[in-house]
PDB file of N, CA and C in Angstrom:
ATOM      1  N   MET A   1      75.793 -76.361 -66.038  1.00  0.00           N
ATOM      2  CA  MET A   1      76.065 -75.839 -64.722  1.00  0.00           C
ATOM      3  C   MET A   1      76.758 -76.941 -63.934  1.00  0.00           C
ATOM      4  N   SER A   2      77.838 -76.594 -63.283  1.00  0.00           N
ATOM      5  CA  SER A   2      78.607 -77.598 -62.550  1.00  0.00           C
ATOM      6  C   SER A   2      77.941 -77.915 -61.213  1.00  0.00           C
ATOM      7  N   VAL A   3      78.370 -78.978 -60.612  1.00  0.00           N
ATOM      8  CA  VAL A   3      77.818 -79.408 -59.321  1.00  0.00           C
ATOM      9  C   VAL A   3      78.103 -78.350 -58.255  1.00  0.00           C
ATOM     10  N   THR A   4      79.294 -77.783 -58.278  1.00  0.00           N
ATOM     11  CA  THR A   4      79.662 -76.764 -57.299  1.00  0.00           C
ATOM     12  C   THR A   4      78.740 -75.554 -57.417  1.00  0.00           C
ATOM     13  N   SER A   5      78.444 -75.144 -58.640  1.00  0.00           N
ATOM     14  CA  SER A   5      77.556 -74.002 -58.852  1.00  0.00           C
ATOM     15  C   SER A   5      76.161 -74.290 -58.320  1.00  0.00           C
ATOM     16  N   LYS A   6      75.688 -75.513 -58.560  1.00  0.00           N
ATOM     17  CA  LYS A   6      74.366 -75.890 -58.079  1.00  0.00           C
ATOM     18  C   LYS A   6      74.325 -75.893 -56.548  1.00  0.00           C
ATOM     19  N   VAL A   7      75.363 -76.381 -55.927  1.00  0.00           N
ATOM     20  CA  VAL A   7      75.429 -76.404 -54.457  1.00  0.00           C
ATOM     21  C   VAL A   7      75.455 -74.985 -53.909  1.00  0.00           C
ATOM     22  N   VAL A   8      76.267 -74.121 -54.504  1.00  0.00           N
ATOM     23  CA  VAL A   8      76.360 -72.731 -54.054  1.00  0.00           C
ATOM     24  C   VAL A   8      75.010 -72.035 -54.234  1.00  0.00           C
ATOM     25  N   LEU A   9      74.376 -72.276 -55.396  1.00  0.00           N
ATOM     26  CA  LEU A   9      73.062 -71.680 -55.633  1.00  0.00           C
ATOM     27  C   LEU A   9      72.041 -72.196 -54.610  1.00  0.00           C
ATOM     28  N   GLY A  10      72.037 -73.464 -54.357  1.00  0.00           N
ATOM     29  CA  GLY A  10      71.113 -74.052 -53.387  1.00  0.00           C
ATOM     30  C   GLY A  10      71.332 -73.493 -51.987  1.00  0.00           C
ATOM     31  N   VAL A  11      72.581 -73.400 -51.570  1.00  0.00           N
ATOM     32  CA  VAL A  11      72.905 -72.855 -50.248  1.00  0.00           C
ATOM     33  C   VAL A  11      72.479 -71.390 -50.167  1.00  0.00           C
ATOM     34  N   SER A  12      72.716 -70.648 -51.240  1.00  0.00           N
ATOM     35  CA  SER A  12      72.329 -69.232 -51.266  1.00  0.00           C
ATOM     36  C   SER A  12      70.823 -69.077 -51.142  1.00  0.00           C
ATOM     37  N   VAL A  13      70.072 -69.906 -51.869  1.00  0.00           N
ATOM     38  CA  VAL A  13      68.611 -69.836 -51.802  1.00  0.00           C
ATOM     39  C   VAL A  13      68.127 -70.182 -50.396  1.00  0.00           C
ATOM     40  N   VAL A  14      68.683 -71.252 -49.821  1.00  0.00           N
ATOM     41  CA  VAL A  14      68.280 -71.664 -48.475  1.00  0.00           C
ATOM     42  C   VAL A  14      68.605 -70.567 -47.463  1.00  0.00           C
ATOM     43  N   LEU A  15      69.794 -70.006 -47.527  1.00  0.00           N
ATOM     44  CA  LEU A  15      70.169 -68.945 -46.593  1.00  0.00           C
ATOM     45  C   LEU A  15      69.295 -67.704 -46.770  1.00  0.00           C
ATOM     46  N   THR A  16      68.995 -67.350 -48.019  1.00  0.00           N
ATOM     47  CA  THR A  16      68.150 -66.185 -48.274  1.00  0.00           C
ATOM     48  C   THR A  16      66.745 -66.402 -47.716  1.00  0.00           C
ATOM     49  N   LEU A  17      66.173 -67.563 -48.006  1.00  0.00           N
ATOM     50  CA  LEU A  17      64.825 -67.853 -47.506  1.00  0.00           C
ATOM     51  C   LEU A  17      64.788 -67.909 -45.982  1.00  0.00           C
ATOM     52  N   SER A  18      65.808 -68.497 -45.383  1.00  0.00           N
ATOM     53  CA  SER A  18      65.825 -68.568 -43.918  1.00  0.00           C
ATOM     54  C   SER A  18      66.009 -67.176 -43.311  1.00  0.00           C
ATOM     55  N   THR A  19      66.795 -66.327 -43.942  1.00  0.00           N
ATOM     56  CA  THR A  19      66.974 -64.960 -43.457  1.00  0.00           C
ATOM     57  C   THR A  19      65.667 -64.185 -43.555  1.00  0.00           C
ATOM     58  N   VAL A  20      64.987 -64.275 -44.689  1.00  0.00           N
ATOM     59  CA  VAL A  20      63.710 -63.582 -44.858  1.00  0.00           C
ATOM     60  C   VAL A  20      62.692 -64.099 -43.847  1.00  0.00           C
ATOM     61  N   GLY A  21      62.635 -65.398 -43.682  1.00  0.00           N
ATOM     62  CA  GLY A  21      61.709 -65.981 -42.713  1.00  0.00           C
ATOM     63  C   GLY A  21      62.008 -65.541 -41.299  1.00  0.00           C
ATOM     64  N   THR A  22      63.275 -65.535 -40.934  1.00  0.00           N
ATOM     65  CA  THR A  22      63.676 -65.121 -39.587  1.00  0.00           C
ATOM     66  C   THR A  22      63.323 -63.660 -39.334  1.00  0.00           C
ATOM     67  N   VAL A  23      63.590 -62.807 -40.308  1.00  0.00           N
ATOM     68  CA  VAL A  23      63.270 -61.388 -40.160  1.00  0.00           C
ATOM     69  C   VAL A  23      61.759 -61.206 -40.014  1.00  0.00           C
ATOM     70  N   HIS A  24      60.990 -61.923 -40.812  1.00  0.00           N
ATOM     71  CA  HIS A  24      59.528 -61.831 -40.729  1.00  0.00           C
ATOM     72  C   HIS A  24      59.041 -62.275 -39.345  1.00  0.00           C
ATOM     73  N   LEU A  25      59.551 -63.383 -38.845  1.00  0.00           N
ATOM     74  CA  LEU A  25      59.141 -63.863 -37.526  1.00  0.00           C
ATOM     75  C   LEU A  25      59.536 -62.887 -36.424  1.00  0.00           C
ATOM     76  N   LYS A  26      60.736 -62.314 -36.535  1.00  0.00           N
ATOM     77  CA  LYS A  26      61.182 -61.351 -35.526  1.00  0.00           C
ATOM     78  C   LYS A  26      60.308 -60.106 -35.543  1.00  0.00           C
ATOM     79  N   GLN A  27      59.927 -59.642 -36.719  1.00  0.00           N
ATOM     80  CA  GLN A  27      59.042 -58.474 -36.807  1.00  0.00           C
ATOM     81  C   GLN A  27      57.685 -58.776 -36.172  1.00  0.00           C
ATOM     82  N   ALA A  28      57.165 -59.951 -36.441  1.00  0.00           N
ATOM     83  CA  ALA A  28      55.880 -60.324 -35.851  1.00  0.00           C
ATOM     84  C   ALA A  28      56.000 -60.398 -34.334  1.00  0.00           C
ATOM     85  N   TRP A  29      57.104 -60.965 -33.844  1.00  0.00           N
ATOM     86  CA  TRP A  29      57.339 -61.061 -32.406  1.00  0.00           C
ATOM     87  C   TRP A  29      57.463 -59.668 -31.789  1.00  0.00           C
ATOM     88  N   ASP A  30      58.204 -58.769 -32.455  1.00  0.00           N
ATOM     89  CA  ASP A  30      58.354 -57.396 -31.951  1.00  0.00           C
ATOM     90  C   ASP A  30      57.014 -56.662 -31.926  1.00  0.00           C
ATOM     91  N   ARG A  31      56.199 -56.850 -32.960  1.00  0.00           N
ATOM     92  CA  ARG A  31      54.892 -56.230 -33.008  1.00  0.00           C
ATOM     93  C   ARG A  31      54.022 -56.704 -31.848  1.00  0.00           C
ATOM     94  N   GLU A  32      54.071 -58.000 -31.567  1.00  0.00           N
ATOM     95  CA  GLU A  32      53.289 -58.553 -30.457  1.00  0.00           C
ATOM     96  C   GLU A  32      53.775 -57.994 -29.116  1.00  0.00           C
ATOM     97  N   ARG A  33      55.099 -57.891 -28.953  1.00  0.00           N
ATOM     98  CA  ARG A  33      55.638 -57.319 -27.713  1.00  0.00           C
ATOM     99  C   ARG A  33      55.206 -55.874 -27.540  1.00  0.00           C
ATOM    100  N   LEU A  34      55.215 -55.097 -28.628  1.00  0.00           N
ATOM    101  CA  LEU A  34      54.767 -53.708 -28.541  1.00  0.00           C
ATOM    102  C   LEU A  34      53.295 -53.647 -28.138  1.00  0.00           C
ATOM    103  N   HIS A  35      52.494 -54.505 -28.722  1.00  0.00           N
ATOM    104  CA  HIS A  35      51.070 -54.535 -28.382  1.00  0.00           C
ATOM    105  C   HIS A  35      50.873 -54.912 -26.912  1.00  0.00           C
ATOM    106  N   GLN A  36      51.627 -55.888 -26.426  1.00  0.00           N
ATOM    107  CA  GLN A  36      51.519 -56.283 -25.024  1.00  0.00           C
ATOM    108  C   GLN A  36      51.922 -55.131 -24.105  1.00  0.00           C
ATOM    109  N   GLY A  37      52.896 -54.334 -24.536  1.00  0.00           N
ATOM    110  CA  GLY A  37      53.300 -53.165 -23.750  1.00  0.00           C
ATOM    111  C   GLY A  37      52.165 -52.166 -23.625  1.00  0.00           C
ATOM    112  N   VAL A  38      51.436 -51.948 -24.714  1.00  0.00           N
ATOM    113  CA  VAL A  38      50.298 -51.036 -24.690  1.00  0.00           C
ATOM    114  C   VAL A  38      49.223 -51.582 -23.751  1.00  0.00           C
ATOM    115  N   VAL A  39      48.960 -52.873 -23.846  1.00  0.00           N
ATOM    116  CA  VAL A  39      47.948 -53.500 -22.984  1.00  0.00           C
ATOM    117  C   VAL A  39      48.349 -53.353 -21.516  1.00  0.00           C
ATOM    118  N   ARG A  40      49.625 -53.611 -21.210  1.00  0.00           N
ATOM    119  CA  ARG A  40      50.099 -53.469 -19.828  1.00  0.00           C
ATOM    120  C   ARG A  40      49.965 -52.028 -19.352  1.00  0.00           C
ATOM    121  N   ASP A  41      50.275 -51.058 -20.220  1.00  0.00           N
ATOM    122  CA  ASP A  41      50.148 -49.650 -19.840  1.00  0.00           C
ATOM    123  C   ASP A  41      48.693 -49.296 -19.528  1.00  0.00           C
ATOM    124  N   LEU A  42      47.777 -49.788 -20.356  1.00  0.00           N
ATOM    125  CA  LEU A  42      46.357 -49.513 -20.104  1.00  0.00           C
ATOM    126  C   LEU A  42      45.896 -50.145 -18.795  1.00  0.00           C
ATOM    127  N   GLU A  43      46.356 -51.366 -18.523  1.00  0.00           N
ATOM    128  CA  GLU A  43      46.002 -52.019 -17.261  1.00  0.00           C
ATOM    129  C   GLU A  43      46.577 -51.253 -16.077  1.00  0.00           C
ATOM    130  N   ARG A  44      47.802 -50.775 -16.232  1.00  0.00           N
ATOM    131  CA  ARG A  44      48.442 -50.008 -15.160  1.00  0.00           C
ATOM    132  C   ARG A  44      47.675 -48.719 -14.898  1.00  0.00           C
ATOM    133  N   LEU A  45      47.234 -48.048 -15.960  1.00  0.00           N
ATOM    134  CA  LEU A  45      46.454 -46.820 -15.787  1.00  0.00           C
ATOM    135  C   LEU A  45      45.127 -47.096 -15.099  1.00  0.00           C
ATOM    136  N   GLU A  46      44.487 -48.201 -15.451  1.00  0.00           N
ATOM    137  CA  GLU A  46      43.230 -48.559 -14.786  1.00  0.00           C
ATOM    138  C   GLU A  46      43.455 -48.835 -13.303  1.00  0.00           C
ATOM    139  N   ARG A  47      44.548 -49.551 -12.978  1.00  0.00           N
ATOM    140  CA  ARG A  47      44.851 -49.811 -11.562  1.00  0.00           C
ATOM    141  C   ARG A  47      45.117 -48.499 -10.834  1.00  0.00           C
ATOM    142  N   LYS A  48      45.810 -47.588 -11.492  1.00  0.00           N
ATOM    143  CA  LYS A  48      46.112 -46.305 -10.864  1.00  0.00           C
ATOM    144  C   LYS A  48      44.825 -45.526 -10.592  1.00  0.00           C
ATOM    145  N   LYS A  49      43.908 -45.516 -11.567  1.00  0.00           N
ATOM    146  CA  LYS A  49      42.621 -44.829 -11.362  1.00  0.00           C
ATOM    147  C   LYS A  49      41.863 -45.463 -10.205  1.00  0.00           C
ATOM    148  N   GLU A  50      41.848 -46.776 -10.156  1.00  0.00           N
ATOM    149  CA  GLU A  50      41.147 -47.471  -9.070  1.00  0.00           C
ATOM    150  C   GLU A  50      41.797 -47.158  -7.726  1.00  0.00           C
ATOM    151  N   ASN A  51      43.118 -47.138  -7.680  1.00  0.00           N
ATOM    152  CA  ASN A  51      43.821 -46.814  -6.437  1.00  0.00           C
ATOM    153  C   ASN A  51      43.522 -45.381  -5.991  1.00  0.00           C
ATOM    154  N   LEU A  52      43.469 -44.463  -6.933  1.00  0.00           N
ATOM    155  CA  LEU A  52      43.143 -43.076  -6.586  1.00  0.00           C
ATOM    156  C   LEU A  52      41.712 -42.969  -6.071  1.00  0.00           C
ATOM    157  N   ARG A  53      40.795 -43.711  -6.684  1.00  0.00           N
ATOM    158  CA  ARG A  53      39.406 -43.704  -6.225  1.00  0.00           C
ATOM    159  C   ARG A  53      39.314 -44.259  -4.805  1.00  0.00           C
ATOM    160  N   LEU A  54      40.035 -45.367  -4.554  1.00  0.00           N
ATOM    161  CA  LEU A  54      40.037 -45.952  -3.205  1.00  0.00           C
ATOM    162  C   LEU A  54      40.677 -45.008  -2.189  1.00  0.00           C
ATOM    163  N   LEU A  55      41.734 -44.329  -2.597  1.00  0.00           N
ATOM    164  CA  LEU A  55      42.387 -43.370  -1.709  1.00  0.00           C
ATOM    165  C   LEU A  55      41.428 -42.239  -1.355  1.00  0.00           C
ATOM    166  N   GLU A  56      40.695 -41.756  -2.332  1.00  0.00           N
ATOM    167  CA  GLU A  56      39.736 -40.682  -2.072  1.00  0.00           C
ATOM    168  C   GLU A  56      38.638 -41.164  -1.118  1.00  0.00           C
ATOM    169  N   GLN A  57      38.181 -42.390  -1.308  1.00  0.00           N
ATOM    170  CA  GLN A  57      37.182 -42.952  -0.389  1.00  0.00           C
ATOM    171  C   GLN A  57      37.750 -43.040   1.028  1.00  0.00           C
ATOM    172  N   GLN A  58      38.992 -43.460   1.142  1.00  0.00           N
ATOM    173  CA  GLN A  58      39.622 -43.557   2.455  1.00  0.00           C
ATOM    174  C   GLN A  58      39.744 -42.189   3.116  1.00  0.00           C
ATOM    175  N   LYS A  59      40.055 -41.170   2.323  1.00  0.00           N
ATOM    176  CA  LYS A  59      40.154 -39.814   2.872  1.00  0.00           C
ATOM    177  C   LYS A  59      38.805 -39.369   3.425  1.00  0.00           C
ATOM    178  N   VAL A  60      37.743 -39.628   2.666  1.00  0.00           N
ATOM    179  CA  VAL A  60      36.399 -39.238   3.110  1.00  0.00           C
ATOM    180  C   VAL A  60      36.046 -39.990   4.384  1.00  0.00           C
ATOM    181  N   LEU A  61      36.295 -41.292   4.410  1.00  0.00           N
ATOM    182  CA  LEU A  61      35.987 -42.082   5.601  1.00  0.00           C
ATOM    183  C   LEU A  61      36.801 -41.619   6.803  1.00  0.00           C
ATOM    184  N   THR A  62      38.043 -41.267   6.586  1.00  0.00           N
ATOM    185  CA  THR A  62      38.896 -40.772   7.667  1.00  0.00           C
ATOM    186  C   THR A  62      38.349 -39.462   8.226  1.00  0.00           C
ATOM    187  N   ARG A  63      37.930 -38.561   7.339  1.00  0.00           N
ATOM    188  CA  ARG A  63      37.346 -37.300   7.793  1.00  0.00           C
ATOM    189  C   ARG A  63      36.104 -37.540   8.626  1.00  0.00           C
ATOM    190  N   HIS A  64      35.246 -38.459   8.163  1.00  0.00           N
ATOM    191  CA  HIS A  64      34.027 -38.767   8.910  1.00  0.00           C
ATOM    192  C   HIS A  64      34.363 -39.359  10.275  1.00  0.00           C
ATOM    193  N   LEU A  65      35.327 -40.246  10.313  1.00  0.00           N
ATOM    194  CA  LEU A  65      35.717 -40.870  11.573  1.00  0.00           C
ATOM    195  C   LEU A  65      36.285 -39.836  12.538  1.00  0.00           C
ATOM    196  N   GLU A  66      37.164 -38.977  12.039  1.00  0.00           N
ATOM    197  CA  GLU A  66      37.735 -37.940  12.896  1.00  0.00           C
ATOM    198  C   GLU A  66      36.651 -37.001  13.408  1.00  0.00           C
ATOM    199  N   GLU A  67      35.692 -36.680  12.552  1.00  0.00           N
ATOM    200  CA  GLU A  67      34.589 -35.809  12.954  1.00  0.00           C
ATOM    201  C   GLU A  67      33.748 -36.478  14.047  1.00  0.00           C
ATOM    202  N   GLU A  68      33.470 -37.750  13.883  1.00  0.00           N
ATOM    203  CA  GLU A  68      32.710 -38.484  14.905  1.00  0.00           C
ATOM    204  C   GLU A  68      33.481 -38.543  16.218  1.00  0.00           C
ATOM    205  N   ARG A  69      34.782 -38.736  16.159  1.00  0.00           N
ATOM    206  CA  ARG A  69      35.599 -38.763  17.381  1.00  0.00           C
ATOM    207  C   ARG A  69      35.559 -37.420  18.097  1.00  0.00           C
ATOM    208  N   ARG A  70      35.670 -36.342  17.315  1.00  0.00           N
ATOM    209  CA  ARG A  70      35.620 -35.006  17.919  1.00  0.00           C
ATOM    210  C   ARG A  70      34.275 -34.780  18.592  1.00  0.00           C
ATOM    211  N   ARG A  71      33.204 -35.190  17.934  1.00  0.00           N
ATOM    212  CA  ARG A  71      31.872 -35.034  18.523  1.00  0.00           C
ATOM    213  C   ARG A  71      31.750 -35.843  19.812  1.00  0.00           C
ATOM    214  N   ALA A  72      32.257 -37.078  19.771  1.00  0.00           N
ATOM    215  CA  ALA A  72      32.185 -37.927  20.960  1.00  0.00           C
ATOM    216  C   ALA A  72      33.008 -37.324  22.093  1.00  0.00           C
ATOM    217  N   GLU A  73      34.186 -36.799  21.789  1.00  0.00           N
ATOM    218  CA  GLU A  73      35.012 -36.166  22.813  1.00  0.00           C
ATOM    219  C   GLU A  73      34.331 -34.914  23.358  1.00  0.00           C
ATOM    220  N   ALA A  74      33.680 -34.164  22.467  1.00  0.00           N
ATOM    221  CA  ALA A  74      32.991 -32.942  22.900  1.00  0.00           C
ATOM    222  C   ALA A  74      31.827 -33.300  23.822  1.00  0.00           C
ATOM    223  N   ARG A  75      31.149 -34.394  23.578  1.00  0.00           N
ATOM    224  CA  ARG A  75      30.038 -34.824  24.437  1.00  0.00           C
ATOM    225  C   ARG A  75      30.565 -35.285  25.779  1.00  0.00           C
ATOM    226  N   LEU A  76      31.737 -35.893  25.808  1.00  0.00           N
ATOM    227  CA  LEU A  76      32.287 -36.426  27.061  1.00  0.00           C
ATOM    228  C   LEU A  76      32.926 -35.328  27.922  1.00  0.00           C
ATOM    229  N   ARG A  77      33.459 -34.309  27.335  1.00  0.00           N
ATOM    230  CA  ARG A  77      34.158 -33.256  28.091  1.00  0.00           C
ATOM    231  C   ARG A  77      33.264 -32.567  29.109  1.00  0.00           C
ATOM    232  N   PRO A  78      32.084 -32.114  28.758  1.00  0.00           N
ATOM    233  CA  PRO A  78      31.260 -31.425  29.764  1.00  0.00           C
ATOM    234  C   PRO A  78      30.945 -32.336  30.947  1.00  0.00           C
ATOM    235  N   GLN A  79      30.891 -33.615  30.740  1.00  0.00           N
ATOM    236  CA  GLN A  79      30.585 -34.529  31.843  1.00  0.00           C
ATOM    237  C   GLN A  79      31.794 -34.679  32.778  1.00  0.00           C
ATOM    238  N   ASP A  80      33.004 -34.519  32.266  1.00  0.00           N
ATOM    239  CA  ASP A  80      34.208 -34.672  33.091  1.00  0.00           C
ATOM    240  C   ASP A  80      34.342 -33.534  34.095  1.00  0.00           C
ATOM    241  N   THR A  81      33.900 -32.353  33.777  1.00  0.00           N
ATOM    242  CA  THR A  81      34.082 -31.215  34.676  1.00  0.00           C
ATOM    243  C   THR A  81      33.030 -31.095  35.699  1.00  0.00           C
TER     244      THR A  81
END
């Protein structure tokens, strides 16, 4: 086998191994990114549920406050006349 053939074979092996390694690393990186996307989606859904729960609490508190104001106004009206 000539020196040129050995060099070409060596370069081919190195390029093949580096290509396989690069593809493997990229797949692992893509898999991790996909997993992080799922985690972010789950966190976003939890925040949304919490925000909806807080909004519902605020609605209830607002109704109670408005009801108390109406009662207070109703108590004050007869005294004004």
